[in-house]
Amino acid sequence: MSVVSTADLVVTAADSTKPVFAFNVVTLEHAEAIAAGAAAAGTPCILQISHNTIRFHRGPAAILAGTVAVARAADTPLAIHLDHITDADLALRAAELGASSVMFDAGALPYADNVAATADVTRRAHELGLYVEAELGYVGGKPDAPASAHAAGVRTDPAEASAYVAATGVDALAVAVGNSHAMTEKTAALDQGLIGRLRSAVPVPLVLHGSSGVADEELRAAVAAGMTKINVGTALNIAFTGAVREVLASTDKVDPRPYVGAGRDAIAAEVQRLLSSL
């Protein structure tokens, strides 16, 4: 199965009633598990690799090469995306590394600097054939974000979002609507009305980061209100870690394959569940 483009999956989702899921790859086993879960559900999805994961692997080459190899061998169409890339040079290497899209994150900069940096990266990325996502507003759970996703002024303003997309030329926009990164419990309360207003104001697909903390019914409502791309990371790590702990508690053997394999299977099951639930 050939690797497909993020743009194709997002555009298809935007024209349908179902979202496209983007799952975070941290290790090669994550990529294998996501591919297996997508095949079991019979649903395409996006494999995304964050800047933090690239730092963990001490560079992008190995983890991207492994993820691309998994996608090429998969039974279901998969796209490759670089997520939360804060370095412009790395963002512009996305195509060279095998990705068809990049989320350039200039959210820590003042608004005017964010617009300027994102517009420059987007223009150059488009010349390379890349699909570009950006973020406006402050999604909780990041070191540079406010402590609460519900703090005053952190949510994405529809008028500002419209102006931001026009000024930067981005192809998709991640928004802050009460969502928060790295949540381990599904207790996030999304502002569904705001999602609807953003959908009306913004001419590009909307992206929900921090979806691991959102209950399934809340996700369904968000999709109905206008969300197109749904990012999931922490939920996979919870599944993986839980399975690993269970195996380690029952054995004194040191071969990592049994517990890593159990973690991989747990991720695959969670991916299949999520893809089949919306």
Protein backbone atom coordinates (compact mmCIF):
# COMPACT_ATOMS: atom_id res chain seq x y z
CA MET A 1 0.00 0.00 0.00
CA SER A 2 1.49 3.35 -0.99
CA VAL A 3 1.78 6.21 1.49
CA VAL A 4 -0.93 8.80 0.90
CA SER A 5 -0.87 12.54 1.51
CA THR A 6 -2.21 14.22 4.61
CA ALA A 7 -3.97 16.72 2.35
CA ASP A 8 -5.98 13.94 0.68
CA LEU A 9 -7.09 12.45 4.00
CA VAL A 10 -8.00 15.81 5.54
CA VAL A 11 -9.90 17.01 2.45
CA THR A 12 -11.80 13.72 2.27
CA ALA A 13 -12.70 14.02 5.95
CA ALA A 14 -13.77 17.65 5.54
CA ASP A 15 -16.18 16.57 2.80
CA SER A 16 -17.67 13.78 4.94
CA THR A 17 -19.26 13.31 8.35
CA LYS A 18 -16.24 11.42 9.73
CA PRO A 19 -12.98 12.94 10.97
CA VAL A 20 -9.46 11.82 10.17
CA PHE A 21 -7.43 10.71 13.17
CA ALA A 22 -3.75 11.56 13.59
CA PHE A 23 -1.91 9.33 16.06
CA ASN A 24 1.42 10.20 17.68
CA VAL A 25 4.36 7.92 16.95
CA VAL A 26 6.92 7.78 19.76
CA THR A 27 8.67 4.50 18.97
CA LEU A 28 8.70 2.13 16.02
CA GLU A 29 6.26 -0.06 17.97
CA HIS A 30 3.81 2.86 18.03
CA ALA A 31 3.94 3.07 14.23
CA GLU A 32 3.46 -0.69 13.87
CA ALA A 33 0.55 -0.65 16.30
CA ILE A 34 -1.19 2.30 14.64
CA ALA A 35 -0.89 0.59 11.26
CA ALA A 36 -2.34 -2.63 12.73
CA GLY A 37 -5.21 -0.80 14.41
CA ALA A 38 -6.02 1.11 11.21
CA ALA A 39 -6.03 -2.14 9.24
CA ALA A 40 -8.34 -3.81 11.77
CA ALA A 41 -10.73 -0.85 11.57
CA GLY A 42 -10.37 -0.58 7.78
CA THR A 43 -9.84 3.17 8.14
CA PRO A 44 -6.99 5.39 6.88
CA CYS A 45 -5.23 7.66 9.38
CA ILE A 46 -2.19 9.85 9.90
CA LEU A 47 1.05 8.85 11.62
CA GLN A 48 2.48 11.98 13.22
CA ILE A 49 5.89 12.55 14.74
CA SER A 50 6.39 15.49 17.07
CA HIS A 51 9.43 17.68 17.57
CA ASN A 52 9.72 16.24 21.10
CA THR A 53 9.89 12.72 19.67
CA ILE A 54 12.52 13.79 17.16
CA ARG A 55 14.57 15.18 20.05
CA PHE A 56 14.11 11.90 21.94
CA HIS A 57 15.53 9.98 18.98
CA ARG A 58 18.37 12.53 18.67
CA GLY A 59 17.34 13.48 15.18
CA PRO A 60 14.60 12.81 12.63
CA ALA A 61 16.28 10.34 10.27
CA ALA A 62 15.81 6.98 12.02
CA ILE A 63 12.28 7.43 13.41
CA LEU A 64 11.04 8.89 10.12
CA ALA A 65 12.67 6.13 8.08
CA GLY A 66 11.09 3.46 10.26
CA THR A 67 7.67 5.11 10.21
CA VAL A 68 7.74 5.54 6.43
CA ALA A 69 8.69 1.86 6.06
CA VAL A 70 5.76 0.83 8.26
CA ALA A 71 3.36 3.00 6.26
CA ARG A 72 4.57 1.62 2.94
CA ALA A 73 4.00 -1.95 4.14
CA ALA A 74 0.59 -1.24 5.68
CA ASP A 75 -2.69 -2.71 4.46
CA THR A 76 -4.49 0.62 4.92
CA PRO A 77 -3.64 4.05 3.45
CA LEU A 78 -1.53 6.04 5.93
CA ALA A 79 -0.09 9.56 5.78
CA ILE A 80 3.00 10.93 7.55
CA HIS A 81 2.95 14.28 9.35
CA LEU A 82 5.45 16.25 11.45
CA ASP A 83 3.75 17.75 14.50
CA HIS A 84 4.51 20.80 16.69
CA ILE A 85 7.72 21.60 14.84
CA THR A 86 9.17 24.78 16.28
CA ASP A 87 12.26 25.01 14.06
CA ALA A 88 11.67 26.39 10.57
CA ASP A 89 14.58 24.49 9.01
CA LEU A 90 13.27 21.18 10.37
CA ALA A 91 9.75 21.99 9.21
CA LEU A 92 11.02 22.55 5.69
CA ARG A 93 12.77 19.16 5.72
CA ALA A 94 9.44 17.35 6.09
CA ALA A 95 9.19 16.26 2.46
CA GLU A 96 12.83 15.16 2.37
CA LEU A 97 12.15 13.01 5.47
CA GLY A 98 9.10 11.34 3.92
CA ALA A 99 6.26 13.44 5.36
CA SER A 100 3.63 15.18 3.26
CA SER A 101 2.66 17.74 5.89
CA VAL A 102 3.94 19.70 8.84
CA MET A 103 2.42 21.53 11.79
CA PHE A 104 4.63 24.58 12.33
CA ASP A 105 4.23 25.81 15.90
CA ALA A 106 5.08 29.48 16.46
CA GLY A 107 2.54 29.78 19.27
CA ALA A 108 5.11 30.86 21.86
CA LEU A 109 5.83 34.03 19.87
CA PRO A 110 3.90 37.30 20.11
CA TYR A 111 1.01 37.35 17.65
CA ALA A 112 2.70 39.52 14.99
CA ASP A 113 5.87 37.42 15.11
CA ASN A 114 3.79 34.23 14.98
CA VAL A 115 2.05 35.48 11.83
CA ALA A 116 5.31 36.51 10.17
CA ALA A 117 7.15 33.28 10.96
CA THR A 118 4.21 31.06 10.00
CA ALA A 119 3.59 32.94 6.75
CA ASP A 120 7.24 32.58 5.76
CA VAL A 121 7.37 28.85 6.56
CA THR A 122 4.04 28.24 4.83
CA ARG A 123 5.12 29.99 1.64
CA ARG A 124 8.37 28.01 1.47
CA ALA A 125 6.65 24.75 2.47
CA HIS A 126 4.06 25.15 -0.27
CA GLU A 127 6.89 25.49 -2.78
CA LEU A 128 8.01 22.04 -1.59
CA GLY A 129 4.52 20.58 -1.96
CA LEU A 130 3.84 20.38 1.79
CA TYR A 131 0.48 20.79 3.51
CA VAL A 132 0.82 23.15 6.49
CA GLU A 133 -1.03 23.22 9.80
CA ALA A 134 -0.62 25.90 12.47
CA GLU A 135 -2.17 26.64 15.87
CA LEU A 136 -3.85 29.74 17.21
CA GLY A 137 -4.88 30.12 20.83
CA TYR A 138 -3.29 28.35 23.78
CA VAL A 139 -4.03 24.66 24.09
CA GLY A 140 -3.31 23.62 27.68
CA GLY A 141 -0.66 21.14 28.72
CA LYS A 142 2.35 22.77 27.01
CA PRO A 143 5.16 24.44 28.98
CA ASP A 144 4.53 27.82 27.32
CA ALA A 145 0.75 27.70 27.72
CA PRO A 146 -1.40 29.05 30.57
CA ALA A 147 -2.04 26.60 33.39
CA SER A 148 -5.65 26.06 32.41
CA ALA A 149 -7.33 25.49 29.06
CA HIS A 150 -10.23 27.45 30.56
CA ALA A 151 -8.27 30.56 31.56
CA ALA A 152 -9.57 33.86 30.27
CA GLY A 153 -8.34 34.82 26.83
CA VAL A 154 -6.74 31.50 25.89
CA ARG A 155 -9.42 30.24 23.51
CA THR A 156 -9.23 30.91 19.81
CA ASP A 157 -11.18 33.97 18.68
CA PRO A 158 -13.07 33.37 15.39
CA ALA A 159 -12.32 36.80 13.91
CA GLU A 160 -8.64 36.54 14.79
CA ALA A 161 -8.53 33.00 13.41
CA SER A 162 -9.99 34.17 10.10
CA ALA A 163 -7.43 36.96 9.87
CA TYR A 164 -4.60 34.59 10.86
CA VAL A 165 -5.43 32.08 8.13
CA ALA A 166 -5.68 34.85 5.55
CA ALA A 167 -2.34 36.34 6.61
CA THR A 168 -0.39 33.07 6.85
CA GLY A 169 -1.92 30.93 4.09
CA VAL A 170 -1.99 27.80 6.24
CA ASP A 171 -4.01 24.80 5.06
CA ALA A 172 -5.41 23.72 8.46
CA LEU A 173 -5.77 25.37 11.85
CA ALA A 174 -5.50 23.82 15.32
CA VAL A 175 -7.67 25.73 17.77
CA ALA A 176 -8.10 26.11 21.52
CA VAL A 177 -11.66 25.29 22.57
CA GLY A 178 -11.16 23.88 26.07
CA ASN A 179 -8.83 21.07 24.99
CA SER A 180 -5.50 20.34 26.69
CA HIS A 181 -2.45 18.25 25.80
CA ALA A 182 -1.28 15.27 27.85
CA MET A 183 -4.53 14.66 29.75
CA THR A 184 -4.74 11.20 31.33
CA GLU A 185 -8.47 11.37 32.11
CA LYS A 186 -11.30 12.10 29.67
CA THR A 187 -12.67 15.11 31.50
CA ALA A 188 -12.12 17.94 28.99
CA ALA A 189 -15.21 20.10 28.43
CA LEU A 190 -15.13 21.50 24.89
CA ASP A 191 -16.87 24.72 23.90
CA GLN A 192 -19.02 23.24 21.15
CA GLY A 193 -20.57 26.60 20.33
CA LEU A 194 -17.13 28.10 19.77
CA ILE A 195 -16.22 25.21 17.47
CA GLY A 196 -19.28 26.03 15.37
CA ARG A 197 -18.37 29.73 15.22
CA LEU A 198 -14.81 28.89 14.23
CA ARG A 199 -16.06 26.54 11.54
CA SER A 200 -18.17 29.36 10.10
CA ALA A 201 -15.34 31.90 10.27
CA VAL A 202 -12.35 29.85 9.13
CA PRO A 203 -12.09 28.62 5.51
CA VAL A 204 -9.70 25.73 6.26
CA PRO A 205 -10.19 22.47 8.21
CA LEU A 206 -10.08 22.69 12.01
CA VAL A 207 -7.81 20.46 14.11
CA LEU A 208 -8.36 19.30 17.69
CA HIS A 209 -5.15 18.75 19.66
CA GLY A 210 -5.24 17.08 23.07
CA SER A 211 -8.05 14.72 22.13
CA SER A 212 -6.93 12.02 24.58
CA GLY A 213 -8.67 14.00 27.33
CA VAL A 214 -11.98 14.18 25.46
CA ALA A 215 -14.71 11.58 25.97
CA ASP A 216 -16.05 9.83 22.86
CA GLU A 217 -19.43 11.55 22.97
CA GLU A 218 -17.75 14.92 23.33
CA LEU A 219 -15.55 14.11 20.32
CA ARG A 220 -18.60 13.17 18.27
CA ALA A 221 -20.19 16.50 19.13
CA ALA A 222 -16.97 18.32 18.19
CA VAL A 223 -16.89 16.62 14.81
CA ALA A 224 -20.54 17.45 14.23
CA ALA A 225 -19.78 21.07 15.16
CA GLY A 226 -16.92 21.34 12.68
CA MET A 227 -13.71 19.53 13.72
CA THR A 228 -11.98 17.62 10.92
CA LYS A 229 -8.62 16.30 12.18
CA ILE A 230 -8.41 14.68 15.62
CA ASN A 231 -4.97 14.31 17.24
CA VAL A 232 -4.39 11.51 19.76
CA GLY A 233 -1.18 10.76 21.65
CA THR A 234 -1.46 10.31 25.41
CA ALA A 235 -4.26 7.73 25.15
CA LEU A 236 -1.91 5.46 23.23
CA ASN A 237 0.81 5.87 25.83
CA ILE A 238 -1.64 5.05 28.62
CA ALA A 239 -2.58 1.82 26.83
CA PHE A 240 1.05 0.93 26.14
CA THR A 241 2.30 1.64 29.65
CA GLY A 242 -0.57 -0.19 31.32
CA ALA A 243 0.08 -3.33 29.29
CA VAL A 244 3.83 -3.18 29.94
CA ARG A 245 3.29 -2.82 33.69
CA GLU A 246 0.93 -5.78 33.71
CA VAL A 247 3.45 -8.06 32.00
CA LEU A 248 6.37 -6.88 34.11
CA ALA A 249 4.40 -7.51 37.29
CA SER A 250 3.92 -11.15 36.31
CA THR A 251 7.46 -12.15 35.29
CA ASP A 252 11.10 -11.80 36.26
CA LYS A 253 12.38 -12.39 32.72
CA VAL A 254 14.43 -9.66 31.08
CA ASP A 255 13.58 -10.16 27.40
CA PRO A 256 11.79 -6.93 26.41
CA ARG A 257 9.82 -8.45 23.55
CA PRO A 258 6.95 -9.88 25.63
CA TYR A 259 6.19 -6.60 27.42
CA VAL A 260 6.90 -4.34 24.45
CA GLY A 261 4.75 -6.63 22.31
CA ALA A 262 1.92 -6.40 24.83
CA GLY A 263 2.22 -2.62 24.77
CA ARG A 264 2.12 -2.61 20.98
CA ASP A 265 -1.01 -4.79 20.97
CA ALA A 266 -2.67 -2.45 23.47
CA ILE A 267 -2.01 0.57 21.25
CA ALA A 268 -3.41 -1.27 18.24
CA ALA A 269 -6.59 -2.08 20.15
CA GLU A 270 -7.04 1.55 21.22
CA VAL A 271 -6.46 2.81 17.67
CA GLN A 272 -9.01 0.34 16.33
CA ARG A 273 -11.50 1.38 19.02
CA LEU A 274 -11.13 5.08 18.30
CA LEU A 275 -11.31 4.67 14.53
CA SER A 276 -14.46 2.56 14.91
CA SER A 277 -16.12 4.88 17.45
CA LEU A 278 -16.58 8.01 15.32
